[in-house]
N, C-alpha and C. Protein backbone atom coordinates (compact mmCIF):
# COMPACT_ATOMS: atom_id res chain seq x y z
N MET A 1 69.42 117.17 58.89
CA MET A 1 67.92 116.59 59.39
C MET A 1 66.92 116.85 58.19
N GLN A 2 66.23 116.10 58.16
CA GLN A 2 65.61 116.05 57.21
C GLN A 2 63.80 116.18 57.83
N MET A 3 62.40 116.25 57.21
CA MET A 3 60.97 116.28 58.09
C MET A 3 60.15 114.99 57.16
N ILE A 4 59.51 114.06 57.51
CA ILE A 4 58.49 113.62 57.14
C ILE A 4 56.99 114.14 57.67
N PHE A 5 56.20 115.06 56.75
CA PHE A 5 54.72 115.93 57.48
C PHE A 5 53.28 114.99 57.58
N GLN A 6 52.82 115.23 58.47
CA GLN A 6 51.46 114.49 59.06
C GLN A 6 50.84 114.41 57.92
N ASP A 7 50.55 115.66 56.62
CA ASP A 7 49.56 115.75 56.23
C ASP A 7 49.73 114.80 54.35
N PRO A 8 50.11 113.49 54.04
CA PRO A 8 50.74 113.77 52.35
C PRO A 8 49.70 114.44 51.57
N PHE A 9 48.42 114.72 51.79
CA PHE A 9 48.17 115.61 50.84
C PHE A 9 48.28 117.26 50.63
N SER A 10 48.27 117.52 51.22
CA SER A 10 49.48 119.06 51.72
C SER A 10 50.32 119.17 51.71
N SER A 11 51.10 118.36 51.66
CA SER A 11 52.81 118.28 52.00
C SER A 11 53.28 118.01 50.09
N LEU A 12 52.85 117.64 49.54
CA LEU A 12 53.35 117.76 48.14
C LEU A 12 52.76 118.76 47.19
N ASN A 13 53.15 119.45 46.51
CA ASN A 13 52.52 119.95 45.43
C ASN A 13 51.97 119.63 44.21
N PRO A 14 50.75 119.86 43.94
CA PRO A 14 49.94 119.33 43.12
C PRO A 14 50.46 119.43 41.68
N ARG A 15 51.31 120.65 41.42
CA ARG A 15 52.21 121.61 40.18
C ARG A 15 52.99 120.43 39.87
N MET A 16 53.89 119.74 40.66
CA MET A 16 55.25 119.11 40.11
C MET A 16 54.85 117.49 40.27
N THR A 17 55.38 117.14 38.98
CA THR A 17 55.47 115.88 38.67
C THR A 17 56.44 115.11 39.93
N VAL A 18 56.70 113.67 40.62
CA VAL A 18 57.02 112.78 41.71
C VAL A 18 58.54 113.34 41.77
N GLY A 19 59.02 112.92 40.51
CA GLY A 19 60.51 112.46 39.41
C GLY A 19 60.85 114.90 40.90
N ASP A 20 60.05 116.21 40.33
CA ASP A 20 60.55 117.00 40.21
C ASP A 20 60.26 117.63 42.11
N ILE A 21 59.61 116.27 42.92
CA ILE A 21 59.36 116.91 44.28
C ILE A 21 60.49 115.91 44.69
N VAL A 22 60.59 114.72 44.25
CA VAL A 22 61.36 113.86 45.30
C VAL A 22 63.16 114.56 44.62
N GLY A 23 63.47 115.26 43.62
CA GLY A 23 64.78 115.54 42.78
C GLY A 23 65.24 116.92 43.93
N GLU A 24 64.15 118.50 44.07
CA GLU A 24 63.96 119.02 44.44
C GLU A 24 64.94 119.52 45.81
N PRO A 25 65.19 118.89 46.61
CA PRO A 25 66.49 118.62 47.55
C PRO A 25 68.00 119.30 46.96
N LEU A 26 68.13 117.79 45.74
CA LEU A 26 69.39 117.99 45.41
C LEU A 26 69.34 119.53 44.82
N LEU A 27 68.25 119.85 43.88
CA LEU A 27 68.96 120.89 43.37
C LEU A 27 68.94 122.42 44.32
N ILE A 28 67.98 122.73 45.50
CA ILE A 28 68.92 122.91 46.01
C ILE A 28 70.32 122.90 46.68
N HIS A 29 70.69 122.03 47.13
CA HIS A 29 71.68 121.74 47.58
C HIS A 29 73.45 121.74 46.46
N ASN A 30 72.19 121.54 45.45
CA ASN A 30 73.48 121.68 44.22
C ASN A 30 74.38 120.31 44.45
N LEU A 31 73.47 119.24 44.16
CA LEU A 31 74.30 118.12 44.99
C LEU A 31 73.90 117.49 43.57
N ALA A 32 73.16 117.39 42.44
CA ALA A 32 73.09 116.72 41.78
C ALA A 32 72.00 116.94 40.34
N LYS A 33 72.26 116.79 39.38
CA LYS A 33 71.87 117.42 37.92
C LYS A 33 71.62 116.44 37.00
N GLY A 34 71.01 116.77 36.35
CA GLY A 34 70.53 116.18 34.87
C GLY A 34 70.65 114.18 35.00
N SER A 35 71.10 113.25 34.45
CA SER A 35 71.37 112.21 34.88
C SER A 35 71.58 111.69 35.70
N GLU A 36 72.72 112.33 36.53
CA GLU A 36 72.69 111.70 38.06
C GLU A 36 72.05 111.94 38.85
N LYS A 37 70.82 113.10 38.71
CA LYS A 37 69.84 113.66 39.16
C LYS A 37 68.74 112.25 39.62
N LYS A 38 67.99 111.97 37.92
CA LYS A 38 67.52 110.77 37.80
C LYS A 38 68.56 109.83 38.64
N ASP A 39 68.67 109.43 38.26
CA ASP A 39 69.34 108.26 39.38
C ASP A 39 69.23 107.47 40.19
N ARG A 40 69.73 109.08 41.08
CA ARG A 40 69.55 109.26 42.69
C ARG A 40 67.78 108.87 42.66
N ILE A 41 67.03 109.63 41.70
CA ILE A 41 65.87 109.87 41.96
C ILE A 41 64.91 108.60 41.57
N GLU A 42 65.51 107.53 41.39
CA GLU A 42 64.65 106.18 40.88
C GLU A 42 65.37 105.31 42.10
N VAL A 43 66.43 105.64 42.34
CA VAL A 43 66.72 104.39 43.67
C VAL A 43 65.92 104.79 44.70
N MET A 44 65.99 106.15 44.86
CA MET A 44 65.15 106.42 46.07
C MET A 44 64.24 106.27 46.31
N LEU A 45 62.90 106.14 44.68
CA LEU A 45 61.79 105.76 44.87
C LEU A 45 61.82 103.73 44.88
N LYS A 46 62.31 103.07 44.08
CA LYS A 46 62.34 102.17 44.71
C LYS A 46 62.61 101.64 45.93
N LYS A 47 63.30 102.03 46.39
CA LYS A 47 64.03 102.27 48.12
C LYS A 47 62.95 102.42 48.81
N VAL A 48 61.31 103.27 48.54
CA VAL A 48 60.41 103.32 49.32
C VAL A 48 59.39 102.21 49.29
N GLY A 49 59.92 101.73 48.34
CA GLY A 49 58.38 100.65 46.60
C GLY A 49 57.42 101.34 45.95
N LEU A 50 58.17 102.48 45.46
CA LEU A 50 57.28 103.14 43.99
C LEU A 50 58.44 102.12 42.85
N LYS A 51 58.04 102.76 41.83
CA LYS A 51 58.40 102.40 40.51
C LYS A 51 58.77 103.72 40.14
N PRO A 52 60.04 103.40 39.15
CA PRO A 52 60.88 104.60 38.98
C PRO A 52 60.65 105.67 37.97
N GLU A 53 59.23 104.35 37.18
CA GLU A 53 57.86 105.38 35.71
C GLU A 53 57.22 106.76 36.28
N HIS A 54 57.13 105.89 37.89
CA HIS A 54 56.04 106.99 38.89
C HIS A 54 56.33 108.19 39.33
N SER A 55 58.18 108.62 38.70
CA SER A 55 58.32 110.01 38.95
C SER A 55 58.29 110.61 37.46
N MET A 56 57.24 110.32 36.57
CA MET A 56 56.58 111.45 35.53
C MET A 56 54.85 111.77 35.91
N ARG A 57 54.99 111.22 36.66
CA ARG A 57 53.64 111.19 37.62
C ARG A 57 53.51 112.15 38.51
N TYR A 58 52.19 113.01 38.43
CA TYR A 58 51.65 113.73 39.62
C TYR A 58 50.92 113.39 40.98
N PRO A 59 51.22 114.35 42.09
CA PRO A 59 50.32 113.02 43.05
C PRO A 59 49.11 113.17 42.94
N HIS A 60 48.12 113.42 42.71
CA HIS A 60 46.59 113.32 42.51
C HIS A 60 46.91 111.98 42.53
N ALA A 61 47.50 111.18 41.41
CA ALA A 61 47.46 109.65 40.72
C ALA A 61 47.92 109.04 42.17
N PHE A 62 48.44 109.43 42.75
CA PHE A 62 48.81 108.27 44.70
C PHE A 62 47.83 108.16 45.20
N SER A 63 47.56 106.44 45.90
CA SER A 63 46.65 106.92 47.18
C SER A 63 48.04 108.17 48.52
N GLY A 64 46.65 108.01 49.47
CA GLY A 64 47.22 108.60 51.06
C GLY A 64 48.62 107.97 51.69
N GLY A 65 48.91 106.30 51.15
CA GLY A 65 50.46 105.99 51.66
C GLY A 65 51.45 105.35 50.21
N GLN A 66 50.68 106.08 49.34
CA GLN A 66 51.72 106.11 48.27
C GLN A 66 52.28 107.52 48.23
N ARG A 67 51.55 108.55 48.62
CA ARG A 67 51.64 109.59 49.03
C ARG A 67 52.83 109.71 49.48
N GLN A 68 52.78 109.35 51.32
CA GLN A 68 53.59 109.61 52.24
C GLN A 68 54.71 109.07 51.95
N ARG A 69 55.01 107.89 50.98
CA ARG A 69 56.37 107.28 50.72
C ARG A 69 56.66 107.90 49.41
N ILE A 70 56.14 109.16 48.90
CA ILE A 70 56.92 110.40 48.52
C ILE A 70 57.51 111.15 49.07
N GLY A 71 56.49 111.55 50.02
CA GLY A 71 57.08 112.37 51.19
C GLY A 71 58.60 111.75 51.83
N ILE A 72 58.14 110.76 52.01
CA ILE A 72 59.71 109.83 52.51
C ILE A 72 60.74 109.86 51.71
N ALA A 73 60.53 109.33 50.57
CA ALA A 73 61.60 109.32 49.90
C ALA A 73 61.75 111.14 49.00
N ARG A 74 61.74 112.25 49.24
CA ARG A 74 61.80 113.12 49.64
C ARG A 74 62.92 113.47 50.16
N ALA A 75 62.43 113.23 51.75
CA ALA A 75 63.22 113.10 53.07
C ALA A 75 64.52 112.91 52.86
N LEU A 76 64.79 111.57 52.52
CA LEU A 76 65.34 110.99 52.13
C LEU A 76 66.80 110.85 51.39
N ILE A 77 66.00 111.04 50.31
CA ILE A 77 67.51 112.44 49.45
C ILE A 77 68.59 112.68 49.74
N LEU A 78 68.34 113.10 50.32
CA LEU A 78 69.68 113.75 50.73
C LEU A 78 70.05 112.62 51.77
N HIS A 79 70.19 111.82 52.32
CA HIS A 79 70.58 110.34 53.34
C HIS A 79 70.75 111.58 54.71
N PRO A 80 69.57 112.19 54.73
CA PRO A 80 70.01 112.76 56.25
C PRO A 80 70.64 111.68 57.31
N ASP A 81 70.71 112.74 58.37
CA ASP A 81 71.02 111.21 59.78
C ASP A 81 69.97 111.23 60.37
N PHE A 82 69.68 112.06 60.32
CA PHE A 82 68.18 112.55 61.77
C PHE A 82 67.06 112.82 60.70
N ILE A 83 65.82 112.37 60.97
CA ILE A 83 64.49 112.22 60.54
C ILE A 83 63.24 112.64 61.53
N VAL A 84 63.03 114.06 61.08
CA VAL A 84 62.09 114.16 62.45
C VAL A 84 60.41 113.84 61.78
N ALA A 85 59.60 112.57 61.98
CA ALA A 85 58.37 112.29 61.91
C ALA A 85 57.40 112.58 62.67
N ASP A 86 57.00 113.87 61.92
CA ASP A 86 55.36 114.50 62.50
C ASP A 86 54.48 113.81 62.45
N GLU A 87 54.02 112.56 63.07
CA GLU A 87 52.32 112.69 62.62
C GLU A 87 52.28 111.32 61.61
N ALA A 88 53.46 110.88 61.07
CA ALA A 88 53.78 110.66 59.83
C ALA A 88 52.80 109.63 58.94
N VAL A 89 52.09 108.86 60.10
CA VAL A 89 50.84 108.11 59.33
C VAL A 89 49.46 107.95 60.34
N SER A 90 49.26 109.67 61.17
CA SER A 90 47.93 109.78 61.03
C SER A 90 46.48 110.25 60.27
N ALA A 91 47.28 109.90 59.05
CA ALA A 91 46.45 110.02 58.33
C ALA A 91 45.92 109.36 57.38
N LEU A 92 46.53 108.26 57.94
CA LEU A 92 46.38 106.54 56.58
C LEU A 92 45.42 105.30 57.44
N ASP A 93 45.15 104.79 56.31
CA ASP A 93 44.19 103.93 57.28
C ASP A 93 45.28 102.93 58.20
N VAL A 94 44.92 101.75 58.75
CA VAL A 94 45.23 101.14 59.58
C VAL A 94 46.14 100.76 59.24
N SER A 95 45.14 99.36 58.11
CA SER A 95 46.66 98.64 56.90
C SER A 95 47.90 99.62 56.73
N VAL A 96 47.63 100.58 55.47
CA VAL A 96 48.35 102.03 55.45
C VAL A 96 49.87 101.69 56.76
N GLN A 97 48.82 101.80 57.32
CA GLN A 97 49.75 102.71 58.83
C GLN A 97 51.13 101.87 58.70
N ALA A 98 50.36 100.24 59.12
CA ALA A 98 51.35 99.22 59.34
C ALA A 98 52.23 99.22 58.17
N GLN A 99 52.64 98.99 56.89
CA GLN A 99 53.05 99.93 55.27
C GLN A 99 54.17 100.75 55.76
N VAL A 100 53.70 101.58 56.01
CA VAL A 100 54.46 102.83 56.35
C VAL A 100 55.23 102.86 57.18
N ILE A 101 55.59 102.19 58.87
CA ILE A 101 56.20 101.94 59.80
C ILE A 101 56.61 100.83 59.57
N ASN A 102 56.03 100.54 58.81
CA ASN A 102 57.31 98.55 58.15
C ASN A 102 58.67 99.33 58.03
N LEU A 103 58.64 100.54 56.64
CA LEU A 103 59.10 100.80 55.79
C LEU A 103 60.27 101.92 56.43
N LEU A 104 59.34 102.27 57.05
CA LEU A 104 60.44 103.44 58.54
C LEU A 104 61.39 102.38 58.94
N GLN A 105 60.98 101.89 59.53
CA GLN A 105 62.25 100.78 60.35
C GLN A 105 63.05 99.89 59.53
N ASP A 106 63.10 99.48 58.52
CA ASP A 106 63.08 99.14 57.59
C ASP A 106 64.53 99.71 57.18
N LEU A 107 64.03 101.03 56.70
CA LEU A 107 65.14 102.35 56.50
C LEU A 107 66.17 102.59 57.14
N GLN A 108 65.59 102.70 58.71
CA GLN A 108 66.02 103.11 59.42
C GLN A 108 67.36 102.19 60.02
N ALA A 109 66.59 100.43 59.22
CA ALA A 109 67.92 99.79 59.69
C ALA A 109 69.12 100.05 58.52
N GLU A 110 68.82 100.43 57.41
CA GLU A 110 69.29 100.40 56.41
C GLU A 110 70.62 101.53 56.10
N MET A 111 69.78 102.60 56.55
CA MET A 111 70.42 103.93 56.38
C MET A 111 71.16 104.50 57.88
N GLY A 112 71.36 103.84 58.34
CA GLY A 112 71.69 104.17 60.01
C GLY A 112 70.63 104.97 60.65
N LEU A 113 69.39 105.88 60.52
CA LEU A 113 68.92 106.94 60.34
C LEU A 113 68.28 106.77 61.76
N THR A 114 68.06 107.82 62.91
CA THR A 114 67.45 108.39 63.91
C THR A 114 66.03 108.99 63.51
N ILE A 115 65.67 108.26 64.16
CA ILE A 115 64.09 109.36 63.93
C ILE A 115 63.41 109.37 64.98
N LEU A 116 62.87 110.74 65.31
CA LEU A 116 61.82 111.65 65.97
C LEU A 116 60.74 111.32 65.91
N PHE A 117 59.92 110.55 66.64
CA PHE A 117 58.53 110.07 65.97
C PHE A 117 57.61 110.41 66.77
N ILE A 118 57.09 111.62 66.09
CA ILE A 118 55.44 112.35 66.49
C ILE A 118 54.30 111.79 66.99
N ALA A 119 53.75 111.69 68.14
CA ALA A 119 52.38 110.47 67.45
C ALA A 119 51.97 110.61 68.85
N HIS A 120 49.95 110.39 68.12
CA HIS A 120 48.99 110.74 69.94
C HIS A 120 48.97 108.95 70.22
N ASN A 121 48.95 108.03 68.83
CA ASN A 121 48.52 106.64 68.87
C ASN A 121 49.37 105.48 69.75
N LEU A 122 49.42 105.30 71.29
CA LEU A 122 49.91 104.80 72.08
C LEU A 122 50.85 103.41 71.24
N GLY A 123 49.69 102.94 70.57
CA GLY A 123 49.87 101.67 70.04
C GLY A 123 51.17 101.45 69.05
N VAL A 124 51.21 103.16 68.23
CA VAL A 124 51.91 102.93 66.91
C VAL A 124 53.39 103.30 67.49
N VAL A 125 53.50 104.02 68.84
CA VAL A 125 54.69 104.30 69.95
C VAL A 125 55.41 103.05 70.06
N ARG A 126 54.66 102.26 70.80
CA ARG A 126 54.72 101.48 71.35
C ARG A 126 55.32 100.16 70.40
N HIS A 127 55.52 100.07 68.65
CA HIS A 127 55.63 99.12 68.11
C HIS A 127 56.81 99.90 67.72
N CYS A 128 57.38 101.10 67.01
CA CYS A 128 58.06 101.81 66.46
C CYS A 128 59.33 102.32 67.33
N CYS A 129 59.10 102.55 68.39
CA CYS A 129 60.31 103.59 69.20
C CYS A 129 61.35 102.34 70.00
N THR A 130 62.35 103.00 70.81
CA THR A 130 62.90 102.80 71.58
C THR A 130 62.89 103.54 72.65
N ARG A 131 62.72 104.47 72.57
CA ARG A 131 62.56 105.40 73.85
C ARG A 131 61.26 106.48 73.66
N ILE A 132 60.36 106.54 74.80
CA ILE A 132 59.37 107.83 74.60
C ILE A 132 59.83 108.69 75.39
N ALA A 133 58.73 109.73 74.94
CA ALA A 133 58.98 110.88 75.71
C ALA A 133 57.49 111.77 76.10
N VAL A 134 57.60 111.23 76.88
CA VAL A 134 56.43 111.89 77.29
C VAL A 134 56.00 113.31 77.42
N MET A 135 54.94 114.28 76.67
CA MET A 135 54.67 115.48 76.75
C MET A 135 52.97 115.79 77.16
N TYR A 136 53.27 116.87 78.69
CA TYR A 136 52.36 117.68 78.82
C TYR A 136 51.75 119.27 79.20
N ALA A 137 51.27 119.87 78.81
CA ALA A 137 51.77 120.69 78.73
C ALA A 137 52.86 122.21 78.11
N GLY A 138 53.39 121.44 76.60
CA GLY A 138 54.73 122.11 76.24
C GLY A 138 56.03 121.10 76.81
N LYS A 139 55.96 120.44 77.92
CA LYS A 139 57.16 120.09 78.69
C LYS A 139 57.26 118.81 78.67
N MET A 140 58.32 118.09 78.36
CA MET A 140 57.93 116.39 79.10
C MET A 140 57.68 116.34 80.32
N VAL A 141 57.12 115.38 80.87
CA VAL A 141 57.19 115.01 81.64
C VAL A 141 57.66 113.89 82.27
N GLU A 142 58.50 112.74 81.79
CA GLU A 142 58.65 111.23 81.50
C GLU A 142 59.36 110.90 80.22
N LEU A 143 60.30 110.56 80.60
CA LEU A 143 61.59 109.78 79.36
C LEU A 143 61.90 108.77 79.89
N ALA A 144 61.88 107.81 79.04
CA ALA A 144 62.39 105.94 79.41
C ALA A 144 61.81 105.01 77.97
N PRO A 145 63.21 103.93 78.13
CA PRO A 145 63.15 103.10 77.59
C PRO A 145 61.20 102.14 77.00
N THR A 146 61.33 102.14 75.94
CA THR A 146 59.62 101.73 76.12
C THR A 146 58.79 101.02 76.81
N ASP A 147 59.36 100.03 76.73
CA ASP A 147 59.16 98.11 77.91
C ASP A 147 58.82 98.45 78.94
N GLN A 148 60.16 99.83 79.27
CA GLN A 148 59.28 100.74 81.35
C GLN A 148 58.60 101.32 81.46
N LEU A 149 58.19 101.79 80.35
CA LEU A 149 57.30 102.95 80.61
C LEU A 149 55.97 102.14 80.22
N PHE A 150 55.67 101.60 79.85
CA PHE A 150 54.80 100.45 79.14
C PHE A 150 54.39 99.68 80.90
N GLU A 151 55.19 99.20 81.04
CA GLU A 151 54.92 98.34 81.93
C GLU A 151 55.00 98.89 83.52
N ASP A 152 55.75 100.15 84.08
CA ASP A 152 55.84 100.79 85.19
C ASP A 152 56.17 102.41 84.84
N PRO A 153 54.73 102.92 84.57
CA PRO A 153 55.07 104.30 84.14
C PRO A 153 55.31 105.27 85.80
N LYS A 154 55.91 106.06 85.58
CA LYS A 154 56.04 106.70 86.91
C LYS A 154 55.59 107.60 87.52
N HIS A 155 55.27 108.55 85.80
CA HIS A 155 54.47 109.88 85.94
C HIS A 155 52.55 110.19 86.29
N PRO A 156 51.79 110.66 86.97
CA PRO A 156 50.15 110.57 86.83
C PRO A 156 50.00 110.52 85.40
N TYR A 157 50.62 111.07 84.59
CA TYR A 157 50.17 112.31 83.22
C TYR A 157 49.90 110.10 82.46
N THR A 158 51.72 109.73 82.51
CA THR A 158 51.75 108.97 81.60
C THR A 158 50.39 107.87 82.23
N ARG A 159 50.04 107.67 83.52
CA ARG A 159 50.13 106.44 83.76
C ARG A 159 48.31 106.75 83.43
N ALA A 160 47.57 108.14 83.09
CA ALA A 160 47.06 108.04 82.87
C ALA A 160 46.14 107.93 81.49
N LEU A 161 47.91 108.24 81.07
CA LEU A 161 46.99 108.30 78.85
C LEU A 161 47.15 106.63 78.81
N LEU A 162 48.03 105.57 79.12
CA LEU A 162 48.02 104.42 79.25
C LEU A 162 46.60 103.85 79.19
N SER A 163 45.66 104.28 81.19
CA SER A 163 44.92 103.47 81.25
C SER A 163 43.50 104.25 80.51
N ALA A 164 43.61 105.08 79.90
CA ALA A 164 43.02 105.71 78.61
C ALA A 164 42.92 104.91 77.19
N VAL A 165 43.40 104.16 76.88
CA VAL A 165 44.10 103.13 75.78
C VAL A 165 42.96 102.27 75.51
N PRO A 166 42.52 101.61 74.84
CA PRO A 166 40.42 101.21 74.65
C PRO A 166 41.09 99.53 74.97
N ASP A 167 40.66 98.91 75.52
CA ASP A 167 40.29 97.62 75.79
C ASP A 167 39.21 96.48 74.54
N PRO A 168 39.83 95.56 74.13
CA PRO A 168 39.32 94.88 72.81
C PRO A 168 38.24 94.00 73.48
N ASP A 169 38.55 93.95 74.77
CA ASP A 169 36.95 93.09 75.82
C ASP A 169 36.29 94.17 76.06
N PRO A 170 34.49 93.81 74.71
CA PRO A 170 34.21 94.64 75.38
C PRO A 170 33.52 94.49 77.12
N ASP A 171 33.75 93.80 78.04
CA ASP A 171 33.26 93.31 79.02
C ASP A 171 33.96 94.79 80.09
N ILE A 172 35.17 94.94 79.28
CA ILE A 172 36.38 95.79 80.18
C ILE A 172 35.24 97.04 80.80
N ALA A 173 35.54 97.55 81.56
CA ALA A 173 34.80 99.19 81.12
C ALA A 173 36.15 100.31 81.12
N MET A 174 35.64 101.35 80.53
CA MET A 174 36.67 101.46 79.97
C MET A 174 37.69 102.83 81.37
N ASN A 175 38.86 102.99 81.56
CA ASN A 175 38.93 103.84 83.02
C ASN A 175 39.76 105.10 81.88
N TYR A 176 39.57 106.44 82.23
CA TYR A 176 40.29 107.33 81.45
C TYR A 176 41.38 107.98 82.70
N GLY A 177 40.77 107.76 84.01
CA GLY A 177 42.14 107.78 85.26
C GLY A 177 42.33 109.78 84.82
N ILE A 178 41.77 110.05 84.57
CA ILE A 178 41.76 112.02 85.07
C ILE A 178 40.51 112.33 84.37
N SER A 179 40.72 113.80 84.81
CA SER A 179 39.59 114.48 84.70
C SER A 179 40.11 115.74 84.47
N GLY A 180 39.34 116.52 84.48
CA GLY A 180 39.27 118.43 84.06
C GLY A 180 40.03 118.57 83.12
N GLU A 181 40.13 119.69 82.47
CA GLU A 181 40.46 120.42 81.54
C GLU A 181 41.73 120.23 81.19
N VAL A 182 42.71 120.45 79.80
CA VAL A 182 43.89 120.43 78.99
C VAL A 182 44.49 122.18 79.97
N ALA A 183 46.26 122.06 80.84
CA ALA A 183 45.98 122.88 80.63
C ALA A 183 46.11 124.44 79.69
N ASP A 184 46.27 125.24 79.81
CA ASP A 184 46.12 126.68 78.92
C ASP A 184 47.93 126.80 79.28
N VAL A 185 48.35 126.93 78.55
CA VAL A 185 49.96 126.57 78.01
C VAL A 185 50.38 128.20 77.92
N GLY A 186 49.10 129.00 77.96
CA GLY A 186 49.80 130.33 77.60
C GLY A 186 49.20 130.93 79.23
N ASN A 187 49.39 130.51 79.94
CA ASN A 187 48.73 130.65 81.49
C ASN A 187 48.72 129.68 82.13
N LEU A 188 49.86 129.14 82.41
CA LEU A 188 50.13 127.69 83.33
C LEU A 188 50.24 128.22 84.77
N PRO A 189 50.29 127.19 85.57
CA PRO A 189 49.56 127.34 87.22
C PRO A 189 50.93 127.81 88.12
N LYS A 190 51.19 128.40 88.72
CA LYS A 190 52.73 128.27 89.39
C LYS A 190 53.43 126.96 89.43
N GLY A 191 52.78 126.47 90.39
CA GLY A 191 53.32 124.86 90.18
C GLY A 191 53.78 123.35 89.18
N CYS A 192 53.02 123.06 89.36
CA CYS A 192 53.38 121.49 88.30
C CYS A 192 51.87 121.97 87.39
N SER A 193 52.49 122.36 85.84
CA SER A 193 51.55 121.98 85.07
C SER A 193 50.20 121.01 84.84
N PHE A 194 50.26 120.91 85.81
CA PHE A 194 49.38 119.10 85.87
C PHE A 194 48.23 119.16 86.90
N ALA A 195 49.74 119.56 88.22
CA ALA A 195 48.53 119.74 89.33
C ALA A 195 47.87 119.54 89.43
N PRO A 196 46.41 120.45 88.64
CA PRO A 196 44.99 120.68 89.12
C PRO A 196 44.36 118.94 88.43
N ARG A 197 45.36 118.62 87.30
CA ARG A 197 44.30 116.78 87.42
C ARG A 197 44.87 115.90 87.74
N CYS A 198 46.00 115.90 88.81
CA CYS A 198 46.80 115.08 89.13
C CYS A 198 45.82 114.09 90.92
N PRO A 199 46.15 112.66 90.34
CA PRO A 199 45.48 112.92 92.06
C PRO A 199 46.30 112.09 93.01
N ASP A 200 47.25 112.25 92.35
CA ASP A 200 47.78 112.59 93.49
C ASP A 200 49.19 113.93 94.32
N CYS A 201 48.46 114.35 93.23
CA CYS A 201 48.85 115.71 94.06
C CYS A 201 49.06 116.37 95.48
N MET A 202 50.19 116.94 95.70
CA MET A 202 50.35 117.42 97.21
C MET A 202 50.07 119.18 97.33
N ASP A 203 50.30 119.70 98.60
CA ASP A 203 50.30 121.09 98.27
C ASP A 203 51.90 121.97 97.45
N MET A 204 52.67 121.16 98.48
CA MET A 204 53.84 121.28 97.23
C MET A 204 54.07 121.32 95.94
N CYS A 205 53.18 120.34 95.00
CA CYS A 205 52.61 120.51 93.63
C CYS A 205 52.37 121.57 93.67
N ARG A 206 51.23 122.28 93.57
CA ARG A 206 50.88 123.57 93.23
C ARG A 206 51.24 124.63 94.02
N ASN A 207 52.61 124.42 94.24
CA ASN A 207 53.79 125.72 94.13
C ASN A 207 55.01 125.80 93.66
N GLU A 208 55.49 124.14 93.92
CA GLU A 208 57.12 124.89 92.98
C GLU A 208 56.42 124.13 91.74
N GLN A 209 57.62 124.44 90.94
CA GLN A 209 57.60 123.78 90.16
C GLN A 209 58.46 122.27 89.66
N PRO A 210 58.28 121.05 89.33
CA PRO A 210 58.96 120.17 89.44
C PRO A 210 60.49 120.08 88.95
N GLU A 211 61.26 119.16 88.54
CA GLU A 211 62.74 119.45 87.73
C GLU A 211 62.81 117.83 86.70
N PHE A 212 62.97 118.08 85.65
CA PHE A 212 63.61 117.34 85.19
C PHE A 212 64.46 116.43 85.57
N CYS A 213 64.31 115.12 86.85
CA CYS A 213 65.74 114.57 86.45
C CYS A 213 65.65 113.37 86.83
N LYS A 214 66.97 113.05 86.27
CA LYS A 214 66.90 111.04 86.49
C LYS A 214 66.68 110.15 87.43
N THR A 215 65.32 109.27 87.52
CA THR A 215 65.68 108.49 88.61
C THR A 215 65.43 107.33 87.80
N ASN A 216 67.12 106.52 88.41
CA ASN A 216 67.36 104.86 87.82
C ASN A 216 67.87 105.56 86.60
N ASP A 217 67.23 104.26 85.48
CA ASP A 217 67.50 104.98 83.91
C ASP A 217 66.01 105.49 82.93
N ARG A 218 65.67 106.08 83.57
CA ARG A 218 64.55 107.17 82.74
C ARG A 218 64.62 108.11 83.81
N PHE A 219 64.05 109.42 83.50
CA PHE A 219 63.76 110.87 84.00
C PHE A 219 62.23 111.09 83.86
N VAL A 220 62.20 111.58 84.97
CA VAL A 220 60.81 112.28 85.29
C VAL A 220 60.40 114.21 85.67
N SER A 221 59.48 113.97 85.37
CA SER A 221 59.30 115.14 86.42
C SER A 221 57.89 115.43 86.70
N CYS A 222 58.63 115.06 88.90
CA CYS A 222 56.94 114.21 89.36
C CYS A 222 57.60 114.61 91.06
N ILE A 223 56.93 115.50 91.62
CA ILE A 223 58.17 115.26 93.09
C ILE A 223 57.25 114.17 93.57
N LYS A 224 57.07 113.61 93.61
CA LYS A 224 56.65 112.53 93.80
C LYS A 224 57.28 110.90 93.09
N ALA A 225 57.17 111.38 92.59
CA ALA A 225 57.55 109.62 91.83
C ALA A 225 59.47 110.21 92.36
N LEU A 226 60.09 111.26 92.54
CA LEU A 226 61.59 111.07 92.78
C LEU A 226 62.57 110.52 93.92
């Protein structure tokens, strides 16, 4: 397992060259040294859309999108099976976001990767994920295939999230569909953590913790939805 971090600026050591940054995992795991290490670094830089000569430069010489490509190269140099992409495009401009997402999808297909993509942007999630897990107060409340979750959300929090997505039509009023404050994870209510904000809340919701159960081909944590 390897990780792609959210901030492409603070996640790269400014005192190390790109070659040293990408090649460091090889040294730590004693996988390659010398010319072999250099060759593997150059191959990986090409895979992420950079040039071999970029290995001699420092992070400050690159844009945010290029820096994130360096971070991706560092994560992939060990050929992992599983990647955690923690808000990997949230710090980038929209056009650059698309480039990085397309790169990740191409690399996923080429290298047989499984990617856990963490994000708040529902448009990005819908574009790049095959299954989506919705979390509230530190717990999963719904897990479903992407198309099904967007077409027929079961959990009231999922419905509220989708209703808050802006519509480009100026004549359509925004509908956030949710009120109240986000639950305090250090002081959660006795029952369902979403109960104080839920429009479908019943008495049992305030007293019973709903289980994360399978219904048809999805999982949901909601007494009324089961």
